[in-house]
Protein backbone atom coordinates (compact mmCIF):
# COMPACT_ATOMS: atom_id res chain seq x y z
CA MET A 1 -17.52 1.79 1.00
CA SER A 2 -14.61 2.72 -1.98
CA HIS A 3 -11.71 0.28 -2.04
CA ARG A 4 -8.37 1.53 -3.06
CA THR A 5 -6.27 -0.20 -4.99
CA VAL A 6 -2.88 -0.50 -2.75
CA ALA A 7 -1.47 -2.92 -4.18
CA VAL A 8 1.73 -0.79 -6.41
CA ALA A 9 2.61 -3.37 -9.80
CA ALA A 10 4.48 -4.85 -7.77
CA ALA A 11 2.49 -6.28 -5.51
CA LEU A 12 1.30 -8.85 -8.27
CA VAL A 13 -1.85 -11.00 -6.31
CA THR A 14 -1.39 -9.41 -3.74
CA SER A 15 -3.80 -6.83 -4.67
CA ALA A 16 -6.30 -9.61 -3.58
CA LEU A 17 -5.83 -11.05 -0.80
CA ALA A 18 -8.71 -11.23 1.85
CA LEU A 19 -9.28 -12.66 4.44
CA THR A 20 -12.41 -12.79 6.33
CA ALA A 21 -14.49 -14.63 9.54
CA CYS A 22 -18.08 -15.23 10.60
CA GLY A 23 -19.92 -12.90 12.94
CA SER A 24 -22.88 -15.26 13.05
CA SER A 25 -19.84 -17.67 15.31
CA GLY A 26 -20.81 -18.67 18.04
CA GLY A 27 -20.12 -20.76 20.64
CA PRO A 28 -17.81 -19.91 24.54
CA GLY A 29 -14.97 -16.90 24.76
CA GLY A 30 -15.72 -13.53 24.49
CA ALA A 31 -14.42 -10.27 25.53
CA ASP A 32 -15.78 -6.93 26.60
CA GLY A 33 -17.16 -4.89 23.84
CA THR A 34 -16.39 -1.57 25.12
CA SER A 35 -12.95 -1.70 27.26
CA GLY A 36 -11.90 -3.70 24.48
CA LYS A 37 -10.21 -6.58 27.11
CA ILE A 38 -10.22 -9.99 25.87
CA ASP A 39 -11.00 -12.74 28.84
CA GLY A 40 -12.69 -15.26 27.12
CA LYS A 41 -11.13 -19.19 26.36
CA ILE A 42 -10.13 -19.14 22.89
CA GLU A 43 -12.31 -21.98 22.25
CA GLY A 44 -15.28 -22.29 19.24
CA GLN A 45 -15.20 -21.66 15.58
CA VAL A 46 -14.11 -19.16 12.99
CA THR A 47 -15.20 -18.81 9.86
CA PHE A 48 -12.35 -18.17 7.33
CA GLN A 49 -12.86 -16.29 4.23
CA THR A 50 -11.08 -15.71 1.79
CA TRP A 51 -11.20 -12.85 -1.39
CA ASN A 52 -10.09 -15.35 -4.51
CA LEU A 53 -7.24 -17.31 -2.88
CA ARG A 54 -8.29 -20.77 -2.54
CA ALA A 55 -6.93 -21.76 -6.19
CA HIS A 56 -3.40 -20.61 -5.91
CA PHE A 57 -2.85 -20.88 -1.80
CA THR A 58 -5.51 -23.89 -1.06
CA ASP A 59 -1.83 -25.65 0.81
CA TYR A 60 -0.64 -22.97 2.67
CA PHE A 61 -4.03 -22.82 4.02
CA ASP A 62 -5.28 -25.69 4.42
CA GLY A 63 -1.64 -25.51 6.66
CA VAL A 64 -2.39 -22.51 8.30
CA ILE A 65 -5.46 -23.21 9.12
CA ALA A 66 -4.56 -27.36 10.62
CA ALA A 67 -2.30 -25.96 12.71
CA PHE A 68 -3.67 -23.27 14.12
CA GLU A 69 -6.47 -25.87 15.18
CA LYS A 70 -3.55 -28.21 16.81
CA LYS A 71 -2.72 -25.17 19.22
CA TYR A 72 -5.95 -24.52 20.40
CA PRO A 73 -7.76 -28.23 20.54
CA GLY A 74 -10.96 -26.60 21.46
CA THR A 75 -11.18 -24.20 18.13
CA LYS A 76 -12.84 -25.15 14.22
CA VAL A 77 -11.44 -22.97 11.32
CA LYS A 78 -14.45 -23.04 8.60
CA TRP A 79 -12.43 -22.32 5.33
CA VAL A 80 -15.09 -19.85 2.40
CA ASP A 81 -13.96 -18.84 -0.28
CA GLN A 82 -15.05 -15.84 -1.94
CA PRO A 83 -15.04 -14.51 -5.32
CA ALA A 84 -12.97 -11.15 -5.90
CA GLU A 85 -15.07 -9.29 -8.01
CA GLY A 86 -18.13 -6.87 -5.43
CA TYR A 87 -15.51 -7.81 -2.33
CA PRO A 88 -15.49 -4.64 -0.83
CA GLU A 89 -19.30 -4.26 -1.13
CA LYS A 90 -19.97 -7.63 0.37
CA LEU A 91 -18.04 -6.71 3.38
CA SER A 92 -20.05 -3.43 3.45
CA ALA A 93 -23.47 -4.64 3.04
CA ASP A 94 -22.26 -6.97 6.14
CA ALA A 95 -21.38 -4.46 8.55
CA ALA A 96 -25.33 -2.69 7.28
CA GLY A 97 -27.03 -6.87 8.04
CA GLY A 98 -24.51 -7.61 11.04
CA THR A 99 -23.03 -10.10 9.00
CA LEU A 100 -19.53 -8.37 8.81
CA PRO A 101 -17.23 -11.51 9.84
CA ASP A 102 -15.14 -12.07 13.17
CA VAL A 103 -11.37 -11.21 10.76
CA VAL A 104 -11.37 -8.88 8.04
CA ASN A 105 -8.18 -8.66 5.90
CA VAL A 106 -8.28 -4.84 4.99
CA SER A 107 -6.50 -1.99 4.37
CA PRO A 108 -6.23 0.81 6.23
CA ASP A 109 -9.20 2.95 4.17
CA LEU A 110 -11.47 -0.12 4.09
CA ALA A 111 -11.02 -1.04 7.90
CA TYR A 112 -11.76 3.00 8.21
CA PRO A 113 -15.63 3.50 8.43
CA LEU A 114 -15.57 -0.08 10.18
CA ALA A 115 -13.17 1.57 13.73
CA ARG A 116 -15.79 4.19 13.32
CA ALA A 117 -18.84 2.68 13.24
CA GLY A 118 -17.75 0.85 16.14
CA LEU A 119 -17.08 -2.34 14.12
CA ALA A 120 -13.58 -3.22 14.23
CA LEU A 121 -11.48 -3.63 17.94
CA ASP A 122 -8.97 -1.68 18.92
CA LEU A 123 -5.92 -3.64 18.69
CA GLU A 124 -4.12 -1.95 21.22
CA LYS A 125 -5.85 -2.62 23.87
CA ALA A 126 -7.63 -5.92 23.10
CA ALA A 127 -3.76 -7.36 21.91
CA GLY A 128 -1.02 -4.17 22.68
CA LYS A 129 1.62 -7.29 24.55
CA TYR A 130 1.97 -8.13 20.66
CA ARG A 131 2.72 -3.88 19.36
CA GLY A 132 6.55 -5.30 19.73
CA GLU A 133 6.73 -8.17 17.19
CA TYR A 134 6.15 -6.11 14.21
CA LEU A 135 7.32 -3.01 12.13
CA PRO A 136 6.62 0.64 13.84
CA GLY A 137 5.12 1.71 11.00
CA ALA A 138 2.84 -1.19 9.96
CA TRP A 139 1.83 -0.98 13.50
CA GLN A 140 0.75 2.26 12.92
CA GLY A 141 -0.78 1.65 9.39
CA TYR A 142 -4.06 0.52 11.38
CA GLN A 143 -3.83 4.23 13.44
CA MET A 144 -7.55 6.00 12.55
CA PRO A 145 -7.63 9.51 12.09
CA GLY A 146 -9.46 11.06 15.15
CA LEU A 147 -9.66 7.57 17.13
CA PRO A 148 -7.66 6.36 19.79
CA GLY A 149 -6.52 2.70 19.36
CA VAL A 150 -4.80 0.37 16.46
CA TYR A 151 -8.65 -1.43 15.09
CA GLY A 152 -6.30 -3.89 12.21
CA PHE A 153 -3.12 -6.12 13.11
CA PRO A 154 -0.30 -5.73 10.15
CA TRP A 155 0.14 -8.67 7.91
CA TYR A 156 1.77 -8.36 4.26
CA LEU A 157 4.01 -4.89 3.23
CA ASN A 158 4.48 -3.52 -0.49
CA THR A 159 6.43 -0.88 -1.76
CA GLY A 160 7.98 0.63 -5.03
CA PRO A 161 11.08 -0.01 -6.32
CA MET A 162 12.00 2.43 -9.22
CA PHE A 163 13.81 1.32 -12.38
CA TYR A 164 16.09 3.74 -13.98
CA ASN A 165 18.28 3.54 -18.12
CA LYS A 166 21.72 4.26 -17.03
CA GLU A 167 22.32 4.45 -21.05
CA LEU A 168 19.66 7.85 -20.82
CA PHE A 169 21.58 9.26 -17.72
CA THR A 170 24.74 8.87 -19.38
CA LYS A 171 23.86 10.65 -22.43
CA ALA A 172 22.55 13.24 -21.06
CA GLY A 173 25.70 14.25 -19.35
CA LEU A 174 24.39 12.58 -15.74
CA ASP A 175 25.62 10.13 -13.11
CA PRO A 176 24.14 6.44 -14.22
CA ARG A 177 25.76 5.83 -10.62
CA LYS A 178 23.34 8.43 -9.18
CA PRO A 179 19.89 8.88 -9.58
CA PRO A 180 18.19 10.97 -7.61
CA LYS A 181 16.79 10.56 -3.93
CA THR A 182 15.56 13.93 -3.46
CA TYR A 183 12.74 16.07 -5.55
CA ASP A 184 14.98 19.10 -6.17
CA GLN A 185 17.44 16.33 -7.78
CA LEU A 186 14.79 14.51 -9.75
CA PHE A 187 13.65 17.93 -10.53
CA ARG A 188 16.01 19.03 -11.83
CA ASP A 189 18.01 15.94 -14.02
CA ALA A 190 14.18 15.93 -15.94
CA LEU A 191 15.17 18.88 -16.99
CA THR A 192 18.78 18.69 -18.20
CA MET A 193 17.51 15.07 -19.69
CA ALA A 194 15.04 17.32 -21.55
CA GLU A 195 17.30 19.88 -22.33
CA LYS A 196 19.84 17.25 -23.65
CA SER A 197 17.48 15.43 -25.79
CA GLY A 198 16.00 18.07 -27.35
CA ARG A 199 12.99 16.96 -25.47
CA LYS A 200 12.90 13.39 -27.08
CA ILE A 201 14.01 12.08 -23.76
CA ALA A 202 10.60 12.45 -20.57
CA MET A 203 12.26 11.75 -17.16
CA LEU A 204 9.02 10.96 -15.86
CA ALA A 205 5.60 9.30 -17.34
CA GLY A 206 3.33 10.30 -14.79
CA THR A 207 1.61 13.33 -12.07
CA PRO A 208 2.42 13.00 -8.66
CA SER A 209 -0.25 11.34 -6.90
CA VAL A 210 -1.03 11.97 -3.21
CA GLU A 211 1.30 9.69 -2.57
CA ASP A 212 4.71 12.17 -3.60
CA PHE A 213 2.59 14.50 -2.01
CA GLY A 214 3.53 12.43 1.21
CA ARG A 215 7.14 11.77 0.25
CA TYR A 216 7.56 15.36 -0.59
CA GLY A 217 6.78 16.56 2.86
CA VAL A 218 3.32 17.62 2.46
CA ARG A 219 1.48 17.22 5.27
CA LEU A 220 -1.93 15.43 3.97
CA MET A 221 -4.26 16.67 6.92
CA ASN A 222 -4.05 18.08 10.55
CA ALA A 223 -3.43 16.08 13.66
CA ARG A 224 -7.03 14.98 14.40
CA GLY A 225 -7.45 13.19 10.72
CA THR A 226 -10.82 15.94 10.73
CA GLU A 227 -9.45 18.41 7.56
CA PHE A 228 -7.49 17.74 4.07
CA THR A 229 -4.48 20.18 4.26
CA PHE A 230 -2.50 19.61 1.27
CA ASN A 231 -3.34 22.42 -0.47
CA GLU A 232 -0.56 24.71 1.73
CA PRO A 233 2.84 25.85 0.52
CA LYS A 234 4.56 22.48 -0.23
CA GLY A 235 1.23 21.41 -2.28
CA VAL A 236 1.86 23.99 -4.11
CA GLU A 237 5.61 24.16 -4.81
CA LEU A 238 5.42 20.70 -5.87
CA LEU A 239 2.59 21.00 -8.26
CA ARG A 240 4.95 24.20 -9.64
CA HIS A 241 7.61 21.95 -10.16
CA TYR A 242 5.33 19.67 -12.45
CA LYS A 243 3.53 22.03 -13.95
CA GLU A 244 7.91 23.88 -15.08
CA LEU A 245 8.70 19.70 -16.58
CA TYR A 246 5.91 19.45 -18.06
CA ALA A 247 6.70 22.50 -20.12
CA ALA A 248 10.11 22.21 -21.01
CA GLY A 249 9.18 18.35 -21.90
CA ALA A 250 10.63 16.75 -19.25
CA LEU A 251 7.65 14.78 -17.85
CA ASP A 252 5.94 12.93 -21.28
CA SER A 253 3.29 14.61 -23.10
CA GLN A 254 0.51 11.97 -21.74
CA ALA A 255 1.12 12.12 -18.65
CA LEU A 256 -1.68 13.15 -17.90
CA THR A 257 -3.90 10.13 -18.94
CA ALA A 258 -1.18 7.35 -18.62
CA GLN A 259 -1.90 4.46 -17.68
CA ALA A 260 0.85 1.86 -15.79
CA GLU A 261 0.67 -0.18 -18.06
CA SER A 262 1.62 2.48 -21.47
CA SER A 263 4.34 4.51 -18.43
CA GLY A 264 5.93 0.29 -18.29
CA ARG A 265 5.90 0.27 -22.62
CA LYS A 266 7.26 4.06 -22.97
CA PHE A 267 9.79 2.78 -20.49
CA GLN A 268 10.55 0.05 -22.59
CA GLN A 269 10.54 1.82 -25.94
CA GLY A 270 12.91 4.59 -24.34
CA SER A 271 11.13 7.57 -24.04
CA VAL A 272 11.26 8.09 -20.35
CA ALA A 273 13.96 7.55 -18.89
CA MET A 274 12.76 6.61 -14.89
CA ASN A 275 10.01 3.82 -14.53
CA PRO A 276 7.97 2.31 -11.13
CA GLY A 277 8.16 -1.68 -11.74
CA SER A 278 8.50 -4.91 -9.93
CA ALA A 279 10.13 -8.05 -10.53
CA LEU A 280 7.63 -8.85 -13.47
CA ASP A 281 8.57 -6.81 -14.99
CA LEU A 282 12.04 -7.07 -15.36
CA GLU A 283 11.70 -10.26 -16.24
CA LYS A 284 10.14 -8.80 -19.27
CA PHE A 285 12.53 -6.44 -20.11
CA LYS A 286 15.07 -9.44 -20.49
CA LYS A 287 12.72 -11.72 -22.89
CA GLU A 288 11.52 -7.92 -24.12
CA ALA A 289 14.34 -5.77 -25.03
CA PRO A 290 17.04 -7.05 -24.11
CA ALA A 291 19.21 -3.91 -24.79
CA LEU A 292 17.02 -2.13 -21.68
CA TYR A 293 17.41 -4.50 -19.25
CA ALA A 294 21.45 -4.50 -19.73
CA HIS A 295 21.18 -0.73 -18.46
CA ILE A 296 18.40 -1.25 -16.09
CA GLY A 297 18.90 0.34 -12.01
CA ILE A 298 17.23 -0.50 -9.37
CA THR A 299 16.43 2.32 -7.08
CA ASP A 300 13.92 3.89 -4.35
CA ALA A 301 11.68 6.09 -4.99
CA VAL A 302 12.20 9.50 -4.34
CA ASN A 303 10.81 11.48 -1.03
CA ASN A 304 11.70 14.62 1.36
CA THR A 305 11.53 11.80 4.14
CA GLY A 306 14.36 10.08 4.26
CA LYS A 307 11.85 7.30 4.23
CA ALA A 308 10.12 5.31 1.46
CA ASN A 309 6.32 4.98 1.36
CA MET A 310 4.81 1.24 2.68
CA TYR A 311 1.61 -0.26 1.05
CA VAL A 312 0.08 -1.98 3.81
CA GLN A 313 -2.85 -4.86 4.26
CA GLY A 314 -4.21 -6.68 8.02
CA LEU A 315 -6.27 -8.56 9.51
CA MET A 316 -9.10 -6.77 11.42
CA VAL A 317 -11.09 -7.65 14.63
CA ASN A 318 -15.04 -7.74 14.53
CA ALA A 319 -15.72 -6.05 17.01
CA GLN A 320 -19.08 -7.31 17.78
CA SER A 321 -18.10 -11.20 17.45
CA GLY A 322 -19.43 -13.89 19.05
CA VAL A 323 -15.52 -14.96 19.20
CA LYS A 324 -13.38 -13.15 20.18
CA SER A 325 -10.62 -14.22 22.21
CA ALA A 326 -10.16 -17.36 19.37
CA ALA A 327 -10.50 -14.43 16.94
CA VAL A 328 -7.21 -12.08 17.87
CA ALA A 329 -5.39 -16.04 18.11
CA PHE A 330 -6.12 -16.36 15.11
CA ALA A 331 -5.74 -13.12 13.44
CA HIS A 332 -2.06 -12.51 16.00
CA PHE A 333 -1.42 -16.23 14.05
CA VAL A 334 -2.05 -15.95 10.76
CA THR A 335 0.09 -12.90 10.97
CA GLY A 336 3.30 -14.31 13.10
CA GLU A 337 6.09 -14.51 11.93
CA GLU A 338 6.50 -17.76 10.83
CA ASN A 339 3.35 -17.82 9.27
CA GLN A 340 4.54 -14.86 7.09
CA MET A 341 7.71 -15.81 5.86
CA ALA A 342 6.17 -19.00 4.50
CA PHE A 343 3.55 -16.68 2.35
CA ALA A 344 5.57 -14.66 1.53
CA ARG A 345 8.53 -17.14 0.17
CA LYS A 346 4.89 -18.02 -2.10
CA VAL A 347 3.79 -14.90 -3.55
CA THR A 348 5.36 -11.30 -3.88
CA ILE A 349 4.85 -9.87 -0.69
CA PHE A 350 6.75 -8.55 2.44
CA PRO A 351 5.99 -9.89 5.87
CA SER A 352 6.06 -6.51 8.61
CA THR A 353 6.72 -8.75 11.95
CA ARG A 354 9.89 -7.50 13.32
CA GLY A 355 13.48 -8.80 12.16
CA SER A 356 11.74 -10.20 9.35
CA LEU A 357 13.62 -8.67 6.55
CA ASP A 358 16.89 -8.94 8.12
CA ASP A 359 16.44 -12.94 6.52
CA PRO A 360 18.62 -13.68 4.11
CA TYR A 361 15.81 -14.31 1.83
CA PHE A 362 15.21 -10.60 1.82
CA THR A 363 19.34 -9.77 1.77
CA LYS A 364 20.53 -11.54 -0.44
CA GLU A 365 20.00 -11.69 -3.85
CA ASP A 366 20.32 -14.58 -6.25
CA GLY A 367 22.04 -14.15 -9.66
CA THR A 368 17.80 -13.64 -9.89
CA ASP A 369 15.54 -10.93 -11.63
CA THR A 370 13.02 -11.81 -8.58
CA ALA A 371 15.67 -11.53 -5.56
CA ARG A 372 16.97 -8.22 -7.70
CA VAL A 373 13.72 -5.98 -7.02
CA ARG A 374 12.85 -8.24 -4.17
CA VAL A 375 16.40 -7.03 -1.98
CA ALA A 376 16.30 -3.97 -3.36
CA SER A 377 12.36 -3.80 -1.44
CA ALA A 378 13.26 -5.00 1.74
CA ALA A 379 15.85 -2.38 2.53
CA SER A 380 13.24 0.83 2.26
CA LEU A 381 10.72 -0.52 4.97
CA LYS A 382 11.88 -1.36 7.84
CA THR A 383 11.62 2.30 8.12
CA ALA A 384 8.91 3.01 5.29
CA VAL A 385 5.50 4.97 6.89
CA ASN A 386 1.52 4.12 4.69
CA TYR A 387 1.61 8.32 2.80
CA THR A 388 -1.62 7.78 1.42
CA PRO A 389 -4.27 9.46 4.15
CA VAL A 390 -6.65 6.60 5.77
CA PRO A 391 -9.83 8.34 4.62
CA LEU A 392 -8.44 9.09 1.06
CA SER A 393 -11.56 7.09 -1.23
CA ASP A 394 -10.81 6.42 -4.28
CA GLN A 395 -13.54 9.63 -5.20
CA MET A 396 -11.58 11.88 -3.16
CA LYS A 397 -8.39 11.00 -5.38
CA THR A 398 -10.20 11.17 -8.98
CA VAL A 399 -10.97 14.55 -7.78
CA LEU A 400 -6.78 15.83 -6.49
CA ARG A 401 -6.12 14.18 -9.54
CA ASN A 402 -8.23 16.10 -12.05
CA ALA A 403 -7.11 19.17 -9.67
CA VAL A 404 -3.20 18.66 -10.81
CA ALA A 405 -3.68 17.51 -14.32
CA ARG A 406 -5.31 21.20 -14.38
CA ALA A 407 -3.03 22.74 -13.71
CA VAL A 408 0.16 20.73 -14.83
CA GLN A 409 -1.46 21.95 -18.58
CA GLY A 410 -1.61 25.78 -17.16
CA LYS A 411 -5.70 26.00 -17.14
CA LYS A 412 -6.12 26.47 -13.20
CA SER A 413 -3.37 27.91 -11.01
CA PRO A 414 -0.75 25.01 -8.60
CA GLU A 415 -3.37 27.18 -5.53
CA ALA A 416 -6.80 27.08 -6.99
CA ALA A 417 -6.55 24.24 -8.48
CA LEU A 418 -5.37 21.99 -5.55
CA ASP A 419 -7.14 24.85 -2.51
CA ASP A 420 -10.79 23.70 -4.81
CA ALA A 421 -9.46 19.86 -4.19
CA VAL A 422 -8.98 20.23 -0.50
CA ALA A 423 -12.34 21.98 0.31
CA GLU A 424 -13.72 19.11 -2.63
CA CYS A 425 -12.27 16.70 -0.17
CA ASN A 426 -13.08 18.04 2.67
CA ARG A 427 -16.56 18.20 1.57
CA LEU A 428 -16.80 14.42 1.32
CA LEU A 429 -14.96 14.33 4.32
CA LYS A 430 -17.82 15.32 5.48
CA THR A 431 -20.13 13.85 4.24
CA GLY A 432 -19.22 10.39 3.63
């Protein structure tokens, strides 16, 4: 089972968060595994397995566990912490061996094969009464293509703000108070930036990812989730624009191979005008590049849909758990508003609970760089969606990335490159 990184640079330690409970736990309480109806008492032992968290969040999770056990006296939570390396493979082995934990912290892509195998509990049936407690986009993030229902409680969210250099905008004759909001504006401004700077300044340092296709308005999969469709005319149109940017010097010459670190370095050096980042980047600019820091602007990533991209993590309940009632209760408890808010104050994440993003912590700046980015990101998450198709594996992402590179360089037409990529991704989807 492949694990795709669901966090952008701003996610920081959140990409290492995982929460599970052992499927071998016994005890009273259960459910009808077919209907998903929970009808047992909330009692029994739940093994709570985290993913490389004990070193930094011991006090927090000790508190959550104690509070849960106090609320449900018939329960006991055993906390086990696993190293980060190899954790997705461990989940795969547990699934194959019948030892899958009761509650598993998974991104939607990790939940997908488990749901297809009948190992993830349909929470729409088992716990649909809690749906209204979460942001609609977050709850829908655990809908699986081709399957009815929802297969995870939303837990924490993240999104990626964009930094831009106001000074470079001004020098190019662009209004620094009006960074591009749509892709048409981005393409127009990027060409202007390249022309006015004599091709010395690129607007962007990276080629489009699947999220860009989604934000552009491309239909990525068919309604049943059985075939990829990002080679539709709108997808080809997006790729043609990026090919034009590359030829005009509006896309950095190393964009085809650039990593997040090198892109950030070019932005810091002033050779790139826009780049995604995090609060830590802002603090780094303040220390290492004060001239840049004085001209930093923060905006949402461009999109044509009016909705930002959402990175989501959640808690899946094992459909074969021997303590389903306790597992559902624990997953709901951890992802409840109070515990999500407390966690968000300890790490750079955002709660998925409805109304939490209206808290002053997410709406009012306090003069710090962290708050500046936090407020900007939180505002966009209220209506955000996860644009990455759940079945898209790391291997498929590589197929798309290579196709984009060939098209941008002119080695293959955008139509042919995307047709080939879709054909290969669909082949992998059918054989995966």
